[in-house]
Amino acid sequence: MMSEHLSQSELDYPFRLLEYINGFRVSKVIFSASELGVFDLLLRSQEALSAQR
């Protein structure tokens, strides 16, 4: 069986790669929201806003 010859770090590699990908996605969403002025809009709002507004 091939998995018997792989080290633990080699087995963990796909999971670490997925963590990096997900981290990139989160940072991209935050960056995009910043570029679109979402955080400025929330800051200027005098009340809580929902996604429907």
PDB file of N, CA and C in Angstrom:
ATOM      1  N   MET A   1       0.844  -1.182   0.000  1.00  0.00           N
ATOM      2  CA  MET A   1       0.000   0.000   0.000  1.00  0.00           C
ATOM      3  C   MET A   1       0.886   1.241   0.000  1.00  0.00           C
ATOM      4  N   MET A   2       0.566   2.211  -0.817  1.00  0.00           N
ATOM      5  CA  MET A   2       1.407   3.392  -0.979  1.00  0.00           C
ATOM      6  C   MET A   2       1.435   4.267   0.271  1.00  0.00           C
ATOM      7  N   SER A   3       0.332   4.379   0.994  1.00  0.00           N
ATOM      8  CA  SER A   3       0.281   5.264   2.157  1.00  0.00           C
ATOM      9  C   SER A   3       1.241   4.825   3.254  1.00  0.00           C
ATOM     10  N   GLU A   4       1.663   3.563   3.245  1.00  0.00           N
ATOM     11  CA  GLU A   4       2.613   3.086   4.244  1.00  0.00           C
ATOM     12  C   GLU A   4       3.985   3.717   4.040  1.00  0.00           C
ATOM     13  N   HIS A   5       4.270   4.226   2.861  1.00  0.00           N
ATOM     14  CA  HIS A   5       5.580   4.790   2.552  1.00  0.00           C
ATOM     15  C   HIS A   5       5.609   6.314   2.652  1.00  0.00           C
ATOM     16  N   LEU A   6       4.477   6.925   2.938  1.00  0.00           N
ATOM     17  CA  LEU A   6       4.415   8.384   3.032  1.00  0.00           C
ATOM     18  C   LEU A   6       4.594   8.826   4.476  1.00  0.00           C
ATOM     19  N   SER A   7       5.325   9.908   4.668  1.00  0.00           N
ATOM     20  CA  SER A   7       5.486  10.450   6.012  1.00  0.00           C
ATOM     21  C   SER A   7       4.216  11.183   6.425  1.00  0.00           C
ATOM     22  N   GLN A   8       4.118  11.461   7.710  1.00  0.00           N
ATOM     23  CA  GLN A   8       2.930  12.167   8.207  1.00  0.00           C
ATOM     24  C   GLN A   8       2.798  13.550   7.576  1.00  0.00           C
ATOM     25  N   SER A   9       3.913  14.244   7.373  1.00  0.00           N
ATOM     26  CA  SER A   9       3.841  15.576   6.760  1.00  0.00           C
ATOM     27  C   SER A   9       3.369  15.493   5.312  1.00  0.00           C
ATOM     28  N   GLU A  10       3.725  14.425   4.613  1.00  0.00           N
ATOM     29  CA  GLU A  10       3.238  14.250   3.245  1.00  0.00           C
ATOM     30  C   GLU A  10       1.742  13.951   3.222  1.00  0.00           C
ATOM     31  N   LEU A  11       1.264  13.241   4.224  1.00  0.00           N
ATOM     32  CA  LEU A  11      -0.165  12.948   4.317  1.00  0.00           C
ATOM     33  C   LEU A  11      -0.961  14.190   4.698  1.00  0.00           C
ATOM     34  N   ASP A  12      -0.350  15.073   5.475  1.00  0.00           N
ATOM     35  CA  ASP A  12      -1.025  16.300   5.908  1.00  0.00           C
ATOM     36  C   ASP A  12      -1.031  17.376   4.835  1.00  0.00           C
ATOM     37  N   TYR A  13      -0.219  17.227   3.812  1.00  0.00           N
ATOM     38  CA  TYR A  13      -0.067  18.268   2.795  1.00  0.00           C
ATOM     39  C   TYR A  13      -1.384  18.711   2.167  1.00  0.00           C
ATOM     40  N   PRO A  14      -2.270  17.811   1.738  1.00  0.00           N
ATOM     41  CA  PRO A  14      -3.533  18.273   1.129  1.00  0.00           C
ATOM     42  C   PRO A  14      -4.368  19.123   2.086  1.00  0.00           C
ATOM     43  N   PHE A  15      -4.355  18.773   3.365  1.00  0.00           N
ATOM     44  CA  PHE A  15      -5.130  19.536   4.335  1.00  0.00           C
ATOM     45  C   PHE A  15      -4.529  20.917   4.562  1.00  0.00           C
ATOM     46  N   ARG A  16      -3.209  20.988   4.618  1.00  0.00           N
ATOM     47  CA  ARG A  16      -2.560  22.297   4.755  1.00  0.00           C
ATOM     48  C   ARG A  16      -2.816  23.155   3.532  1.00  0.00           C
ATOM     49  N   LEU A  17      -2.792  22.554   2.365  1.00  0.00           N
ATOM     50  CA  LEU A  17      -3.064  23.290   1.130  1.00  0.00           C
ATOM     51  C   LEU A  17      -4.486  23.852   1.139  1.00  0.00           C
ATOM     52  N   LEU A  18      -5.447  23.068   1.582  1.00  0.00           N
ATOM     53  CA  LEU A  18      -6.827  23.554   1.687  1.00  0.00           C
ATOM     54  C   LEU A  18      -6.942  24.704   2.680  1.00  0.00           C
ATOM     55  N   GLU A  19      -6.194  24.641   3.781  1.00  0.00           N
ATOM     56  CA  GLU A  19      -6.195  25.743   4.741  1.00  0.00           C
ATOM     57  C   GLU A  19      -5.657  27.021   4.102  1.00  0.00           C
ATOM     58  N   TYR A  20      -4.602  26.920   3.316  1.00  0.00           N
ATOM     59  CA  TYR A  20      -4.051  28.087   2.620  1.00  0.00           C
ATOM     60  C   TYR A  20      -5.055  28.652   1.622  1.00  0.00           C
ATOM     61  N   ILE A  21      -5.715  27.770   0.893  1.00  0.00           N
ATOM     62  CA  ILE A  21      -6.714  28.210  -0.084  1.00  0.00           C
ATOM     63  C   ILE A  21      -7.861  28.926   0.611  1.00  0.00           C
ATOM     64  N   ASN A  22      -8.349  28.350   1.701  1.00  0.00           N
ATOM     65  CA  ASN A  22      -9.449  28.983   2.432  1.00  0.00           C
ATOM     66  C   ASN A  22      -9.021  30.314   3.041  1.00  0.00           C
ATOM     67  N   GLY A  23      -7.792  30.392   3.531  1.00  0.00           N
ATOM     68  CA  GLY A  23      -7.280  31.651   4.056  1.00  0.00           C
ATOM     69  C   GLY A  23      -7.218  32.717   2.973  1.00  0.00           C
ATOM     70  N   PHE A  24      -6.810  32.324   1.775  1.00  0.00           N
ATOM     71  CA  PHE A  24      -6.778  33.264   0.659  1.00  0.00           C
ATOM     72  C   PHE A  24      -8.180  33.749   0.327  1.00  0.00           C
ATOM     73  N   ARG A  25      -9.141  32.840   0.325  1.00  0.00           N
ATOM     74  CA  ARG A  25     -10.527  33.218   0.016  1.00  0.00           C
ATOM     75  C   ARG A  25     -11.054  34.235   1.019  1.00  0.00           C
ATOM     76  N   VAL A  26     -10.804  33.991   2.289  1.00  0.00           N
ATOM     77  CA  VAL A  26     -11.266  34.922   3.326  1.00  0.00           C
ATOM     78  C   VAL A  26     -10.620  36.284   3.134  1.00  0.00           C
ATOM     79  N   SER A  27      -9.315  36.315   2.903  1.00  0.00           N
ATOM     80  CA  SER A  27      -8.640  37.604   2.726  1.00  0.00           C
ATOM     81  C   SER A  27      -9.130  38.313   1.470  1.00  0.00           C
ATOM     82  N   LYS A  28      -9.458  37.577   0.423  1.00  0.00           N
ATOM     83  CA  LYS A  28      -9.972  38.176  -0.814  1.00  0.00           C
ATOM     84  C   LYS A  28     -11.349  38.790  -0.585  1.00  0.00           C
ATOM     85  N   VAL A  29     -12.197  38.120   0.184  1.00  0.00           N
ATOM     86  CA  VAL A  29     -13.525  38.659   0.495  1.00  0.00           C
ATOM     87  C   VAL A  29     -13.393  39.944   1.303  1.00  0.00           C
ATOM     88  N   ILE A  30     -12.523  39.955   2.299  1.00  0.00           N
ATOM     89  CA  ILE A  30     -12.327  41.152   3.116  1.00  0.00           C
ATOM     90  C   ILE A  30     -11.754  42.286   2.270  1.00  0.00           C
ATOM     91  N   PHE A  31     -10.788  41.994   1.428  1.00  0.00           N
ATOM     92  CA  PHE A  31     -10.209  43.012   0.555  1.00  0.00           C
ATOM     93  C   PHE A  31     -11.263  43.579  -0.394  1.00  0.00           C
ATOM     94  N   SER A  32     -12.066  42.706  -0.990  1.00  0.00           N
ATOM     95  CA  SER A  32     -13.105  43.157  -1.924  1.00  0.00           C
ATOM     96  C   SER A  32     -14.137  44.025  -1.217  1.00  0.00           C
ATOM     97  N   ALA A  33     -14.543  43.620  -0.023  1.00  0.00           N
ATOM     98  CA  ALA A  33     -15.501  44.419   0.743  1.00  0.00           C
ATOM     99  C   ALA A  33     -14.916  45.789   1.062  1.00  0.00           C
ATOM    100  N   SER A  34     -13.642  45.825   1.362  1.00  0.00           N
ATOM    101  CA  SER A  34     -12.977  47.098   1.632  1.00  0.00           C
ATOM    102  C   SER A  34     -12.942  47.975   0.384  1.00  0.00           C
ATOM    103  N   GLU A  35     -12.580  47.396  -0.743  1.00  0.00           N
ATOM    104  CA  GLU A  35     -12.532  48.142  -2.003  1.00  0.00           C
ATOM    105  C   GLU A  35     -13.907  48.666  -2.414  1.00  0.00           C
ATOM    106  N   LEU A  36     -14.954  47.930  -2.107  1.00  0.00           N
ATOM    107  CA  LEU A  36     -16.318  48.336  -2.463  1.00  0.00           C
ATOM    108  C   LEU A  36     -16.920  49.327  -1.464  1.00  0.00           C
ATOM    109  N   GLY A  37     -16.221  49.590  -0.370  1.00  0.00           N
ATOM    110  CA  GLY A  37     -16.696  50.554   0.611  1.00  0.00           C
ATOM    111  C   GLY A  37     -17.702  50.003   1.603  1.00  0.00           C
ATOM    112  N   VAL A  38     -17.787  48.700   1.711  1.00  0.00           N
ATOM    113  CA  VAL A  38     -18.752  48.086   2.626  1.00  0.00           C
ATOM    114  C   VAL A  38     -18.478  48.509   4.065  1.00  0.00           C
ATOM    115  N   PHE A  39     -17.233  48.506   4.478  1.00  0.00           N
ATOM    116  CA  PHE A  39     -16.909  48.839   5.857  1.00  0.00           C
ATOM    117  C   PHE A  39     -17.149  50.320   6.148  1.00  0.00           C
ATOM    118  N   ASP A  40     -16.918  51.184   5.166  1.00  0.00           N
ATOM    119  CA  ASP A  40     -17.213  52.605   5.333  1.00  0.00           C
ATOM    120  C   ASP A  40     -18.711  52.823   5.497  1.00  0.00           C
ATOM    121  N   LEU A  41     -19.500  52.112   4.724  1.00  0.00           N
ATOM    122  CA  LEU A  41     -20.955  52.199   4.828  1.00  0.00           C
ATOM    123  C   LEU A  41     -21.425  51.738   6.204  1.00  0.00           C
ATOM    124  N   LEU A  42     -20.878  50.657   6.687  1.00  0.00           N
ATOM    125  CA  LEU A  42     -21.246  50.163   8.013  1.00  0.00           C
ATOM    126  C   LEU A  42     -20.838  51.147   9.102  1.00  0.00           C
ATOM    127  N   LEU A  43     -19.701  51.775   8.929  1.00  0.00           N
ATOM    128  CA  LEU A  43     -19.225  52.742   9.915  1.00  0.00           C
ATOM    129  C   LEU A  43     -20.129  53.966   9.980  1.00  0.00           C
ATOM    130  N   ARG A  44     -20.596  54.438   8.830  1.00  0.00           N
ATOM    131  CA  ARG A  44     -21.460  55.620   8.779  1.00  0.00           C
ATOM    132  C   ARG A  44     -22.893  55.335   9.211  1.00  0.00           C
ATOM    133  N   SER A  45     -23.287  54.093   9.193  1.00  0.00           N
ATOM    134  CA  SER A  45     -24.657  53.729   9.539  1.00  0.00           C
ATOM    135  C   SER A  45     -24.909  53.973  11.025  1.00  0.00           C
ATOM    136  N   GLN A  46     -26.094  54.455  11.329  1.00  0.00           N
ATOM    137  CA  GLN A  46     -26.469  54.697  12.719  1.00  0.00           C
ATOM    138  C   GLN A  46     -27.243  53.519  13.309  1.00  0.00           C
ATOM    139  N   GLU A  47     -27.442  52.485  12.525  1.00  0.00           N
ATOM    140  CA  GLU A  47     -28.167  51.306  12.999  1.00  0.00           C
ATOM    141  C   GLU A  47     -27.541  50.054  12.399  1.00  0.00           C
ATOM    142  N   ALA A  48     -27.904  48.933  12.971  1.00  0.00           N
ATOM    143  CA  ALA A  48     -27.399  47.663  12.451  1.00  0.00           C
ATOM    144  C   ALA A  48     -27.991  47.413  11.068  1.00  0.00           C
ATOM    145  N   LEU A  49     -27.167  46.953  10.159  1.00  0.00           N
ATOM    146  CA  LEU A  49     -27.621  46.668   8.805  1.00  0.00           C
ATOM    147  C   LEU A  49     -27.589  45.168   8.554  1.00  0.00           C
ATOM    148  N   SER A  50     -28.544  44.696   7.775  1.00  0.00           N
ATOM    149  CA  SER A  50     -28.563  43.286   7.403  1.00  0.00           C
ATOM    150  C   SER A  50     -28.183  43.152   5.934  1.00  0.00           C
ATOM    151  N   ALA A  51     -28.011  41.945   5.486  1.00  0.00           N
ATOM    152  CA  ALA A  51     -27.654  41.698   4.088  1.00  0.00           C
ATOM    153  C   ALA A  51     -28.783  42.101   3.142  1.00  0.00           C
ATOM    154  N   GLN A  52     -30.013  42.141   3.627  1.00  0.00           N
ATOM    155  CA  GLN A  52     -31.150  42.491   2.786  1.00  0.00           C
ATOM    156  C   GLN A  52     -31.212  43.982   2.475  1.00  0.00           C
ATOM    157  N   ARG A  53     -30.532  44.797   3.233  1.00  0.00           N
ATOM    158  CA  ARG A  53     -30.581  46.251   3.021  1.00  0.00           C
ATOM    159  C   ARG A  53     -29.613  46.637   1.982  1.00  0.00           C
TER     160      ARG A  53
END
